[in-house]
Amino acid sequence: MKLQKMLEETGHSAFCSEELESVDIKGIEANSSKIEEGYLFVAITGYQRDGHDYIQDAIDRGAAAVIGEQNLADLTVPYVRVENSRDSLANLAAHFYDFPSAKHIMIGITGTNGKTTTSFMLRHILEYAGYSCALFGTVHNVINGQTYDSKNTTPDSLELQKLLAKSDDDIVIMEVSSHGLAQKRLEGIEYDIGLFTNLAHEHLDYHHTIEEYFEVKQLLFSKLKEGGQAIISTHDEWGEKLTDLLNQRKIKVSTFGKTEKDDLIFDSKSEFHCSDFEVTESGKQLHFQMTIPGLHNIYNASMAYLTGRKIGIESDRLIDAFKTFPGIPGRFEMYSHPNDATAVIDYAHTADAFSYCLKTARDCGAKRILHVFGFRGDRDESKRDEMMAVSSQMTDCTILTLDDLNGIDQNDMIAELEKYREASGKAADLIIPDRTLAIKKAWDMAEAGDWILVTGKGSEVYKDNYELPSKSDQETFALLIDQNTTIAT
C-alpha cells in the first residue's frame, strides 16, 4: 500500500511529497523490534520509553519510512513529522487493515465498574440467540471462538485493528477504558451501540478530577456510527448527565433506571433479592432468574438485556439465556466452604464496587462478612480512604494485606495498612501482609453462614511472591479446598 495514499486518506495530505509517492508499505509497527523489510515505523513517546530513540534500530531492520513528532533530519528513509503519533498510528492502522470495524456490529462498553461482567453477559445472551461474538476486555480476548491473553482492557490501536481484521464474528463486544480513549487507541473505529454503566472514584491519579474522568468516558459516544445508539444506566448522577448531553446531540438514547422515563425500569423491591429480579419494559413486567447474585449484577444484566433488545432479539429468548449464564472468572466467583460458609473472589477495587459486593453478601443472608483486600502500589491513593471506610462499616472483620506492590517498598505499604487499621478503630481488623496467608486466615475463621470476600485482583496473576504455592486468589482457594493438600504455615 502506497504511503502517500494512506496519508491522503487519513487526513495527513499536508505531509505528502514527491519523496513519498514511491514508498510502498508492507506493514506498520510501533515497536522497532517487530519491524520487517518495507514496514512503516511510528515513533510514539511512551510513559517509560520514547519510540524516537529507536528510529535508527527500525531503519536498520528495514523500515521503509518513519513517522514521529520530533523535528528530525538526515534520516536514510523518508520521515513524516506529525503533531500526535498515537492519533496517526490509530488512523493509519485502520486504513491499512481496510477499516475492519465496518464489517461487524460494534458494541463498546465504558464506565468504572461492570464493564467486564456486562460484556460477558452480553456475549452469552447474543450467542444464545445465534450470533457469533468477539470479545475484547480485561480477562481475555475471544476471536473466532479462540481465546487469547489480554494485556490491556482496551488493546493498543495497532493490535486492535489487527484483531478486528482477523475476526469473522458477527458482533464485536469491547470494554472501552478511559485510558484507551485518552490515548486515542480507538481512532478509526465506529460503534453501532455504546453502553455507559456508571462512574465512580477511580484513576484520578491519571485523570486528576472526576469531571475530567467523565469527559474522557463520554468520548465513546462521539464514535457512534450515523444512527448509532447509546444505552445508559441512570442509577447515578453521571448516567443522568450523560443522557442529557446525548439528547442535546440528537443521539438515540435508551436508559435503564428506576423512573417512569426510563426504557427499562427496575423494581426497587428487587434490591433485597439475592439473584432474581423484575423489570418493566413498555408496561410489561419481566422476571429474571440469575445464576450470580447482587444488585450490581442486576444492573449489569439489565444493560446487557436492553442491548440485546436493540439488536432485535425477542425478550423471552434473552430471559432464557440468563438462566444458563456460567459466570466470569474472578467476578463474584463463588466457592463453597466446608464449614457451610461462602467464599467469593471479585475484582472490586473501588469503594463503589466494595459496597455492591458487601451488600450482596448481606442480602444473601451473611451471618458475618470477612473481607480481605489491599492497596496497589503506585496507583490512585486518593480512593483509599473511601475503600477502607466502606469495608470498615459493612464488614465484621477486615483483613488488610498486600496487592501488587508495583515497585513500592513492602515495609512502606505495611505501614500504610497499619495506619488504616488503627483509624478503623475495630479490634477485629487484622493486617496479614502475605496475601495467601491472609486468605487462609479468613478461611480458617469462617463458620456456618459466614461470607469471605477477597477483592482487588479477580482472576489476575500475582506479581509478587507469597508463602503458599499459588499464583492467584483462585489458586489459593483451590489449595484450601483440596482436602488432600497439607498447607504448612
Protein backbone atom coordinates (compact mmCIF):
# COMPACT_ATOMS: atom_id res chain seq x y z
CA MET A 1 0.00 0.00 0.00
CA LYS A 2 1.40 3.38 -1.03
CA LEU A 3 2.30 5.60 1.91
CA GLN A 4 1.21 8.78 0.12
CA LYS A 5 -2.27 7.36 -0.46
CA MET A 6 -2.50 6.28 3.20
CA LEU A 7 -1.60 9.77 4.33
CA GLU A 8 -4.05 11.43 1.95
CA GLU A 9 -6.95 9.24 3.05
CA THR A 10 -6.31 9.65 6.79
CA GLY A 11 -6.20 13.43 6.93
CA HIS A 12 -2.43 13.75 6.54
CA SER A 13 -2.37 15.16 3.00
CA ALA A 14 -0.40 18.21 4.16
CA PHE A 15 2.60 15.92 4.69
CA CYS A 16 2.57 14.40 1.20
CA SER A 17 5.57 14.94 -1.08
CA GLU A 18 7.24 13.56 -4.16
CA GLU A 19 9.56 11.59 -1.92
CA LEU A 20 6.61 9.60 -0.56
CA GLU A 21 4.93 8.74 -3.88
CA SER A 22 7.01 5.63 -4.45
CA VAL A 23 7.12 4.36 -0.85
CA ASP A 24 5.24 1.08 -0.58
CA ILE A 25 4.23 -0.01 2.93
CA LYS A 26 4.00 -3.73 3.73
CA GLY A 27 3.16 -3.38 7.41
CA ILE A 28 3.00 -0.98 10.36
CA GLU A 29 4.69 -1.24 13.75
CA ALA A 30 5.34 0.99 16.75
CA ASN A 31 7.85 -1.49 18.22
CA SER A 32 11.18 -1.35 16.39
CA SER A 33 11.98 -4.98 17.26
CA LYS A 34 8.98 -6.09 15.17
CA ILE A 35 9.93 -4.10 12.06
CA GLU A 36 10.41 -6.07 8.85
CA GLU A 37 11.55 -5.01 5.39
CA GLY A 38 9.18 -2.43 3.92
CA TYR A 39 7.35 -1.59 7.17
CA LEU A 40 6.31 1.83 8.39
CA PHE A 41 7.68 2.66 11.85
CA VAL A 42 5.61 5.03 14.00
CA ALA A 43 7.63 6.54 16.85
CA ILE A 44 5.50 7.13 19.96
CA THR A 45 6.54 8.95 23.10
CA GLY A 46 5.52 6.47 25.79
CA TYR A 47 5.38 6.67 29.57
CA GLN A 48 8.55 4.65 30.08
CA ARG A 49 10.25 4.71 26.67
CA ASP A 50 10.42 7.10 23.74
CA GLY A 51 9.98 5.48 20.34
CA HIS A 52 12.08 8.23 18.76
CA ASP A 53 15.12 6.66 20.45
CA TYR A 54 14.55 3.51 18.38
CA ILE A 55 14.21 5.07 14.93
CA GLN A 56 17.68 4.01 13.80
CA ASP A 57 17.02 0.46 15.02
CA ALA A 58 13.82 0.42 12.95
CA ILE A 59 15.70 1.66 9.87
CA ASP A 60 18.41 -0.95 10.37
CA ARG A 61 15.71 -3.63 10.43
CA GLY A 62 14.26 -2.49 7.12
CA ALA A 63 11.77 0.29 7.82
CA ALA A 64 10.73 1.96 4.55
CA ALA A 65 9.59 5.18 6.28
CA VAL A 66 9.19 6.70 9.72
CA ILE A 67 6.51 8.85 11.35
CA GLY A 68 7.22 10.79 14.51
CA GLU A 69 6.65 14.01 16.43
CA GLN A 70 10.20 15.36 16.66
CA ASN A 71 11.93 17.62 14.15
CA LEU A 72 14.45 15.20 12.63
CA ALA A 73 16.64 15.42 9.54
CA ASP A 74 19.26 13.36 7.69
CA LEU A 75 17.47 10.03 8.05
CA THR A 76 18.16 7.50 5.31
CA VAL A 77 14.43 6.87 4.77
CA PRO A 78 11.51 9.29 4.34
CA TYR A 79 10.37 10.89 7.61
CA VAL A 80 6.95 12.45 8.27
CA ARG A 81 6.59 14.72 11.28
CA VAL A 82 3.08 14.79 12.77
CA GLU A 83 1.53 16.52 15.75
CA ASN A 84 0.33 13.35 17.50
CA SER A 85 1.91 9.98 16.70
CA ARG A 86 -0.71 7.99 18.64
CA ASP A 87 -3.52 9.59 16.67
CA SER A 88 -1.69 8.99 13.38
CA LEU A 89 -0.91 5.37 14.23
CA ALA A 90 -4.56 4.60 15.01
CA ASN A 91 -5.88 6.14 11.81
CA LEU A 92 -3.16 4.70 9.58
CA ALA A 93 -3.66 1.23 11.10
CA ALA A 94 -7.43 1.43 10.49
CA HIS A 95 -6.76 2.37 6.86
CA PHE A 96 -4.05 -0.28 6.36
CA TYR A 97 -6.41 -3.03 7.59
CA ASP A 98 -9.28 -1.61 5.49
CA PHE A 99 -11.39 -0.28 8.38
CA PRO A 100 -12.29 -3.74 9.75
CA SER A 101 -14.78 -2.43 12.32
CA ALA A 102 -17.17 -1.69 9.43
CA LYS A 103 -17.76 -5.41 8.82
CA HIS A 104 -19.03 -6.05 12.37
CA ILE A 105 -21.82 -4.90 14.63
CA MET A 106 -19.64 -2.95 17.06
CA ILE A 107 -20.60 -2.63 20.75
CA GLY A 108 -18.47 -0.56 23.15
CA ILE A 109 -18.95 -0.64 26.92
CA THR A 110 -17.49 2.04 29.18
CA GLY A 111 -17.87 3.02 32.85
CA THR A 112 -15.95 2.48 36.07
CA ASN A 113 -17.48 -0.78 37.26
CA GLY A 114 -19.34 -3.56 35.47
CA LYS A 115 -17.69 -3.44 32.03
CA THR A 116 -16.35 -6.98 32.22
CA THR A 117 -19.47 -8.60 33.66
CA THR A 118 -21.75 -6.77 31.23
CA SER A 119 -19.56 -7.79 28.28
CA PHE A 120 -19.54 -11.47 29.31
CA MET A 121 -23.29 -11.48 29.91
CA LEU A 122 -23.86 -9.79 26.57
CA ARG A 123 -21.70 -12.26 24.69
CA HIS A 124 -23.54 -15.16 26.35
CA ILE A 125 -27.05 -13.96 25.51
CA LEU A 126 -26.13 -12.94 21.95
CA GLU A 127 -24.52 -16.30 21.23
CA TYR A 128 -27.54 -17.99 22.79
CA ALA A 129 -29.60 -16.10 20.19
CA GLY A 130 -27.39 -17.41 17.36
CA TYR A 131 -24.80 -14.67 16.81
CA SER A 132 -21.05 -15.24 16.85
CA CYS A 133 -19.29 -12.71 19.09
CA ALA A 134 -15.74 -11.50 19.52
CA LEU A 135 -14.85 -10.13 22.94
CA PHE A 136 -12.08 -7.68 23.83
CA GLY A 137 -11.58 -6.97 27.51
CA THR A 138 -9.79 -7.25 30.82
CA VAL A 139 -9.97 -11.01 31.39
CA HIS A 140 -9.14 -12.19 27.87
CA ASN A 141 -9.90 -11.67 24.19
CA VAL A 142 -12.04 -14.07 22.16
CA ILE A 143 -11.87 -14.07 18.36
CA ASN A 144 -13.49 -16.64 16.06
CA GLY A 145 -14.13 -18.84 19.10
CA GLN A 146 -10.46 -18.85 20.18
CA THR A 147 -9.35 -17.32 23.49
CA TYR A 148 -6.22 -15.16 23.73
CA ASP A 149 -4.46 -13.44 26.63
CA SER A 150 -5.34 -9.79 27.19
CA LYS A 151 -2.60 -7.28 28.08
CA ASN A 152 -4.88 -4.27 28.50
CA THR A 153 -8.62 -3.71 28.92
CA THR A 154 -8.54 -1.93 25.54
CA PRO A 155 -5.74 -3.12 23.19
CA ASP A 156 -3.40 -0.56 21.63
CA SER A 157 -4.67 0.86 18.35
CA LEU A 158 -2.47 -1.25 16.09
CA GLU A 159 -3.21 -4.52 17.87
CA LEU A 160 -6.91 -3.65 17.92
CA GLN A 161 -7.09 -3.14 14.16
CA LYS A 162 -5.21 -6.41 13.58
CA LEU A 163 -7.65 -8.29 15.82
CA LEU A 164 -10.69 -6.71 14.18
CA ALA A 165 -9.34 -7.69 10.76
CA LYS A 166 -8.75 -11.24 11.98
CA SER A 167 -12.26 -11.61 13.39
CA ASP A 168 -15.02 -13.14 11.26
CA ASP A 169 -17.54 -12.76 14.08
CA ASP A 170 -20.93 -11.12 13.55
CA ILE A 171 -20.58 -8.88 16.60
CA VAL A 172 -17.60 -7.37 18.43
CA ILE A 173 -18.07 -6.52 22.13
CA MET A 174 -15.40 -4.25 23.57
CA GLU A 175 -14.62 -2.98 27.03
CA VAL A 176 -13.61 0.62 26.45
CA SER A 177 -11.31 2.02 29.14
CA SER A 178 -10.73 5.69 29.88
CA HIS A 179 -7.03 5.13 29.17
CA GLY A 180 -7.90 3.68 25.77
CA LEU A 181 -9.99 6.73 24.95
CA ALA A 182 -7.47 9.25 26.27
CA GLN A 183 -4.60 7.56 24.44
CA LYS A 184 -6.51 7.52 21.14
CA ARG A 185 -6.44 3.73 20.77
CA LEU A 186 -9.94 3.80 19.25
CA GLU A 187 -9.43 6.25 16.40
CA GLY A 188 -10.76 4.86 13.12
CA ILE A 189 -13.45 2.76 14.85
CA GLU A 190 -17.17 3.49 14.80
CA TYR A 191 -19.69 1.80 17.08
CA ASP A 192 -23.28 0.74 16.48
CA ILE A 193 -24.07 0.74 20.20
CA GLY A 194 -22.30 2.39 23.13
CA LEU A 195 -23.02 1.48 26.78
CA PHE A 196 -22.33 3.50 29.92
CA THR A 197 -22.53 1.54 33.19
CA ASN A 198 -21.62 4.09 35.89
CA LEU A 199 -18.89 6.42 37.12
CA ALA A 200 -17.07 6.23 40.46
CA HIS A 201 -13.85 7.43 42.08
CA GLU A 202 -11.11 5.70 40.08
CA HIS A 203 -7.99 6.56 38.02
CA LEU A 204 -7.83 10.09 39.41
CA ASP A 205 -4.04 9.73 39.54
CA TYR A 206 -4.33 9.80 35.73
CA HIS A 207 -7.39 11.98 35.06
CA HIS A 208 -6.96 14.31 38.09
CA THR A 209 -10.67 15.08 38.66
CA ILE A 210 -13.92 13.13 38.42
CA GLU A 211 -15.16 15.71 35.90
CA GLU A 212 -12.16 15.12 33.65
CA TYR A 213 -12.68 11.37 34.03
CA PHE A 214 -16.30 11.78 32.88
CA GLU A 215 -15.29 13.93 29.91
CA VAL A 216 -12.97 11.18 28.71
CA LYS A 217 -15.58 8.44 29.22
CA GLN A 218 -18.21 10.27 27.18
CA LEU A 219 -15.84 10.37 24.19
CA LEU A 220 -17.03 6.85 23.34
CA PHE A 221 -20.36 8.30 22.20
CA SER A 222 -18.67 10.63 19.72
CA LYS A 223 -17.58 7.45 17.94
CA LEU A 224 -21.07 6.13 17.22
CA LYS A 225 -21.95 5.46 13.60
CA GLU A 226 -24.62 7.57 11.98
CA GLY A 227 -27.83 6.26 13.53
CA GLY A 228 -25.88 4.58 16.34
CA GLN A 229 -27.48 4.17 19.74
CA ALA A 230 -26.47 4.79 23.35
CA ILE A 231 -27.61 2.68 26.29
CA ILE A 232 -27.18 4.40 29.63
CA SER A 233 -27.68 3.29 33.21
CA THR A 234 -29.22 6.28 35.00
CA HIS A 235 -28.91 4.98 38.57
CA ASP A 236 -26.18 7.55 39.28
CA GLU A 237 -25.88 11.28 38.54
CA TRP A 238 -23.31 10.72 35.81
CA GLY A 239 -25.66 8.50 33.82
CA GLU A 240 -28.32 11.19 34.02
CA LYS A 241 -25.80 13.85 32.97
CA LEU A 242 -24.64 11.77 30.00
CA THR A 243 -28.25 11.11 28.94
CA ASP A 244 -28.98 14.85 28.88
CA LEU A 245 -25.77 15.53 26.96
CA LEU A 246 -26.53 12.91 24.30
CA ASN A 247 -30.13 14.05 23.94
CA GLN A 248 -28.81 17.53 23.17
CA ARG A 249 -26.64 15.98 20.45
CA LYS A 250 -29.71 14.22 18.97
CA ILE A 251 -28.18 10.79 19.63
CA LYS A 252 -30.63 7.93 20.19
CA VAL A 253 -30.58 7.04 23.88
CA SER A 254 -32.21 4.16 25.75
CA THR A 255 -31.97 4.09 29.53
CA PHE A 256 -32.16 1.64 32.40
CA GLY A 257 -33.17 3.08 35.76
CA LYS A 258 -35.84 3.45 38.41
CA THR A 259 -38.14 6.13 37.00
CA GLU A 260 -41.06 6.13 34.59
CA LYS A 261 -38.99 7.96 31.96
CA ASP A 262 -36.55 5.03 31.67
CA ASP A 263 -36.97 2.48 28.86
CA LEU A 264 -36.26 -0.41 31.22
CA ILE A 265 -37.49 0.20 34.76
CA PHE A 266 -36.05 -1.64 37.74
CA ASP A 267 -38.42 -2.66 40.53
CA SER A 268 -36.61 -1.34 43.61
CA LYS A 269 -38.05 -4.12 45.78
CA SER A 270 -35.76 -6.49 43.91
CA GLU A 271 -32.79 -4.90 45.71
CA PHE A 272 -33.47 -7.25 48.60
CA HIS A 273 -33.41 -10.37 46.46
CA CYS A 274 -30.24 -12.41 46.18
CA SER A 275 -30.42 -13.10 42.44
CA ASP A 276 -33.92 -12.96 40.95
CA PHE A 277 -35.33 -9.59 39.91
CA GLU A 278 -38.06 -7.89 37.92
CA VAL A 279 -38.05 -5.03 35.45
CA THR A 280 -40.75 -3.33 33.40
CA GLU A 281 -40.42 -2.81 29.66
CA SER A 282 -43.16 -0.98 27.73
CA GLY A 283 -45.62 -1.63 30.58
CA LYS A 284 -44.86 -5.37 30.71
CA GLN A 285 -43.29 -6.85 33.84
CA LEU A 286 -40.41 -9.26 33.20
CA HIS A 287 -38.96 -11.75 35.69
CA PHE A 288 -35.27 -12.72 35.53
CA GLN A 289 -33.62 -15.70 37.18
CA MET A 290 -29.90 -15.06 37.62
CA THR A 291 -27.06 -17.51 38.19
CA ILE A 292 -24.99 -14.94 40.12
CA PRO A 293 -26.33 -12.69 42.90
CA GLY A 294 -26.03 -9.00 43.60
CA LEU A 295 -27.63 -5.66 42.85
CA HIS A 296 -24.61 -4.72 40.75
CA ASN A 297 -25.15 -7.84 38.62
CA ILE A 298 -28.83 -6.93 38.24
CA TYR A 299 -27.66 -3.62 36.78
CA ASN A 300 -25.17 -5.39 34.50
CA ALA A 301 -27.75 -7.91 33.32
CA SER A 302 -30.31 -5.19 32.61
CA MET A 303 -27.80 -3.29 30.46
CA ALA A 304 -26.98 -6.46 28.53
CA TYR A 305 -30.69 -7.27 28.11
CA LEU A 306 -31.50 -3.79 26.79
CA THR A 307 -28.65 -4.10 24.29
CA GLY A 308 -29.97 -7.44 23.06
CA ARG A 309 -33.39 -5.88 22.58
CA LYS A 310 -31.92 -3.06 20.50
CA ILE A 311 -30.25 -5.64 18.27
CA GLY A 312 -33.68 -7.16 17.73
CA ILE A 313 -33.74 -10.26 19.93
CA GLU A 314 -37.06 -11.32 21.47
CA SER A 315 -37.50 -10.71 25.18
CA ASP A 316 -38.28 -14.34 26.12
CA ARG A 317 -35.15 -15.62 24.38
CA LEU A 318 -32.94 -13.18 26.25
CA ILE A 319 -34.51 -14.02 29.62
CA ASP A 320 -33.99 -17.73 28.96
CA ALA A 321 -30.34 -17.09 28.14
CA PHE A 322 -29.61 -15.56 31.55
CA LYS A 323 -30.68 -18.80 33.26
CA THR A 324 -27.59 -20.54 31.83
CA PHE A 325 -25.02 -17.77 32.23
CA PRO A 326 -21.85 -19.52 33.53
CA GLY A 327 -20.34 -16.52 35.31
CA ILE A 328 -16.97 -14.82 34.84
CA PRO A 329 -13.54 -15.78 36.20
CA GLY A 330 -12.74 -13.50 39.13
CA ARG A 331 -16.03 -11.57 39.02
CA PHE A 332 -18.11 -12.53 42.06
CA GLU A 333 -16.74 -16.03 41.63
CA MET A 334 -18.23 -18.17 44.41
CA TYR A 335 -16.70 -21.12 46.28
CA SER A 336 -18.19 -23.48 48.86
CA HIS A 337 -16.50 -23.70 52.28
CA PRO A 338 -16.51 -26.99 54.23
CA ASN A 339 -17.99 -25.21 57.28
CA ASP A 340 -21.06 -24.22 55.24
CA ALA A 341 -19.69 -20.73 54.62
CA THR A 342 -19.44 -18.96 51.25
CA ALA A 343 -16.24 -17.60 49.72
CA VAL A 344 -16.10 -15.07 46.89
CA ILE A 345 -13.34 -13.70 44.67
CA ASP A 346 -14.07 -10.37 42.99
CA TYR A 347 -12.12 -7.75 41.06
CA ALA A 348 -13.70 -4.91 43.10
CA HIS A 349 -11.11 -2.20 43.71
CA THR A 350 -13.20 0.93 44.31
CA ALA A 351 -15.38 1.99 47.23
CA ASP A 352 -18.44 1.73 44.99
CA ALA A 353 -17.60 -1.82 43.94
CA PHE A 354 -16.86 -2.79 47.56
CA SER A 355 -20.28 -1.51 48.59
CA TYR A 356 -22.11 -3.60 45.98
CA CYS A 357 -20.20 -6.79 46.82
CA LEU A 358 -20.58 -6.44 50.57
CA LYS A 359 -24.26 -5.52 50.30
CA THR A 360 -24.80 -8.62 48.17
CA ALA A 361 -23.37 -10.80 50.93
CA ARG A 362 -25.76 -9.21 53.46
CA ASP A 363 -28.75 -9.50 51.12
CA CYS A 364 -27.94 -13.19 50.66
CA GLY A 365 -28.04 -13.73 54.44
CA ALA A 366 -24.41 -13.50 55.53
CA LYS A 367 -24.02 -14.10 59.25
CA ARG A 368 -20.60 -12.43 59.28
CA ILE A 369 -18.54 -10.88 56.48
CA LEU A 370 -14.76 -11.34 56.42
CA HIS A 371 -13.16 -9.04 53.86
CA VAL A 372 -9.60 -9.49 52.53
CA PHE A 373 -8.08 -6.73 50.39
CA GLY A 374 -5.07 -4.48 49.88
CA PHE A 375 -3.98 -1.36 48.03
CA ARG A 376 -1.97 -1.40 44.82
CA GLY A 377 1.38 0.28 44.95
CA ASP A 378 1.94 3.35 42.78
CA ARG A 379 -1.78 3.71 41.99
CA ASP A 380 -4.53 6.18 42.85
CA GLU A 381 -4.07 6.78 46.58
CA SER A 382 -6.96 9.24 46.79
CA LYS A 383 -9.54 6.44 46.76
CA ARG A 384 -8.07 4.50 49.69
CA ASP A 385 -9.88 6.37 52.47
CA GLU A 386 -13.26 5.62 50.88
CA MET A 387 -12.38 1.97 50.28
CA MET A 388 -11.36 1.46 53.90
CA ALA A 389 -14.40 3.34 55.21
CA VAL A 390 -16.80 1.12 53.24
CA SER A 391 -15.08 -2.07 54.34
CA SER A 392 -14.97 -0.98 57.97
CA GLN A 393 -18.66 -0.04 58.01
CA MET A 394 -20.01 -3.06 56.16
CA THR A 395 -17.91 -5.99 57.44
CA ASP A 396 -17.33 -7.81 60.69
CA CYS A 397 -13.61 -8.21 60.06
CA THR A 398 -11.32 -6.54 57.53
CA ILE A 399 -8.03 -8.33 56.87
CA LEU A 400 -5.65 -5.91 55.19
CA THR A 401 -2.99 -7.49 53.03
CA LEU A 402 -0.71 -6.76 50.09
CA ASP A 403 -1.78 -6.35 46.48
CA ASP A 404 0.70 -5.72 43.63
CA LEU A 405 3.46 -3.55 45.10
CA ASN A 406 4.50 -2.17 41.69
CA GLY A 407 7.91 -1.14 42.98
CA ILE A 408 6.71 0.33 46.30
CA ASP A 409 8.73 -0.83 49.31
CA GLN A 410 6.85 -3.57 51.16
CA ASN A 411 7.55 -2.03 54.58
CA ASP A 412 6.15 1.32 53.42
CA MET A 413 2.95 -0.37 52.26
CA ILE A 414 2.62 -2.30 55.53
CA ALA A 415 2.98 0.98 57.42
CA GLU A 416 0.18 2.39 55.25
CA LEU A 417 -2.02 -0.60 56.10
CA GLU A 418 -1.30 -0.12 59.79
CA LYS A 419 -2.43 3.50 59.55
CA TYR A 420 -5.78 2.40 58.11
CA ARG A 421 -6.25 -0.42 60.61
CA GLU A 422 -5.72 1.95 63.52
CA ALA A 423 -8.09 4.52 62.01
CA SER A 424 -10.86 1.91 61.68
CA GLY A 425 -11.00 1.50 65.46
CA LYS A 426 -12.20 -2.09 65.09
CA ALA A 427 -10.40 -4.58 67.28
CA ALA A 428 -11.38 -7.40 64.92
CA ASP A 429 -9.47 -5.92 61.97
CA LEU A 430 -6.13 -7.54 61.10
CA ILE A 431 -3.04 -6.98 59.00
CA ILE A 432 -1.50 -10.06 57.36
CA PRO A 433 0.94 -8.86 54.67
CA ASP A 434 1.25 -12.22 52.89
CA ARG A 435 -1.82 -12.33 50.66
CA THR A 436 -2.12 -16.11 50.60
CA LEU A 437 -1.90 -16.32 54.40
CA ALA A 438 -4.44 -13.53 54.77
CA ILE A 439 -6.87 -15.54 52.66
CA LYS A 440 -6.09 -18.68 54.68
CA LYS A 441 -6.76 -16.77 57.92
CA ALA A 442 -10.22 -15.77 56.70
CA TRP A 443 -10.79 -19.35 55.53
CA ASP A 444 -9.86 -20.74 58.93
CA MET A 445 -12.03 -18.18 60.76
CA ALA A 446 -15.16 -18.86 58.70
CA GLU A 447 -18.14 -20.51 60.37
CA ALA A 448 -21.54 -21.63 59.10
CA GLY A 449 -23.34 -18.76 57.38
CA ASP A 450 -20.25 -16.54 57.08
CA TRP A 451 -19.10 -14.98 53.83
CA ILE A 452 -15.46 -14.45 52.86
CA LEU A 453 -14.85 -11.78 50.21
CA VAL A 454 -11.39 -11.47 48.66
CA THR A 455 -11.30 -8.42 46.42
CA GLY A 456 -8.92 -6.49 44.19
CA LYS A 457 -7.33 -8.99 41.85
CA GLY A 458 -10.10 -11.17 40.47
CA SER A 459 -8.50 -13.62 38.05
CA GLU A 460 -5.23 -11.71 37.79
CA VAL A 461 -1.93 -13.49 38.45
CA TYR A 462 0.10 -12.37 41.46
CA LYS A 463 3.05 -10.13 40.62
CA ASP A 464 4.70 -10.74 44.00
CA ASN A 465 5.69 -13.97 45.73
CA TYR A 466 3.85 -15.33 48.78
CA GLU A 467 4.09 -18.20 51.24
CA LEU A 468 1.57 -20.62 49.72
CA PRO A 469 2.39 -22.19 46.33
CA SER A 470 -0.29 -20.38 44.34
CA LYS A 471 -0.21 -17.74 41.61
CA SER A 472 -3.65 -16.19 42.06
CA ASP A 473 -6.51 -15.83 44.53
CA GLN A 474 -8.27 -18.60 42.60
CA GLU A 475 -5.36 -20.98 43.07
CA THR A 476 -5.17 -20.08 46.75
CA PHE A 477 -8.81 -21.07 47.20
CA ALA A 478 -8.18 -24.25 45.23
CA LEU A 479 -5.40 -25.17 47.66
CA LEU A 480 -7.62 -24.51 50.66
CA ILE A 481 -10.49 -26.52 49.22
CA ASP A 482 -8.31 -29.51 48.36
CA GLN A 483 -8.63 -31.72 51.45
CA ASN A 484 -5.62 -33.77 50.39
CA THR A 485 -3.25 -30.80 50.38
CA THR A 486 -1.25 -30.13 53.52
CA ILE A 487 -0.51 -26.44 53.88
CA ALA A 488 2.28 -25.59 56.28
CA THR A 489 2.33 -22.11 57.81
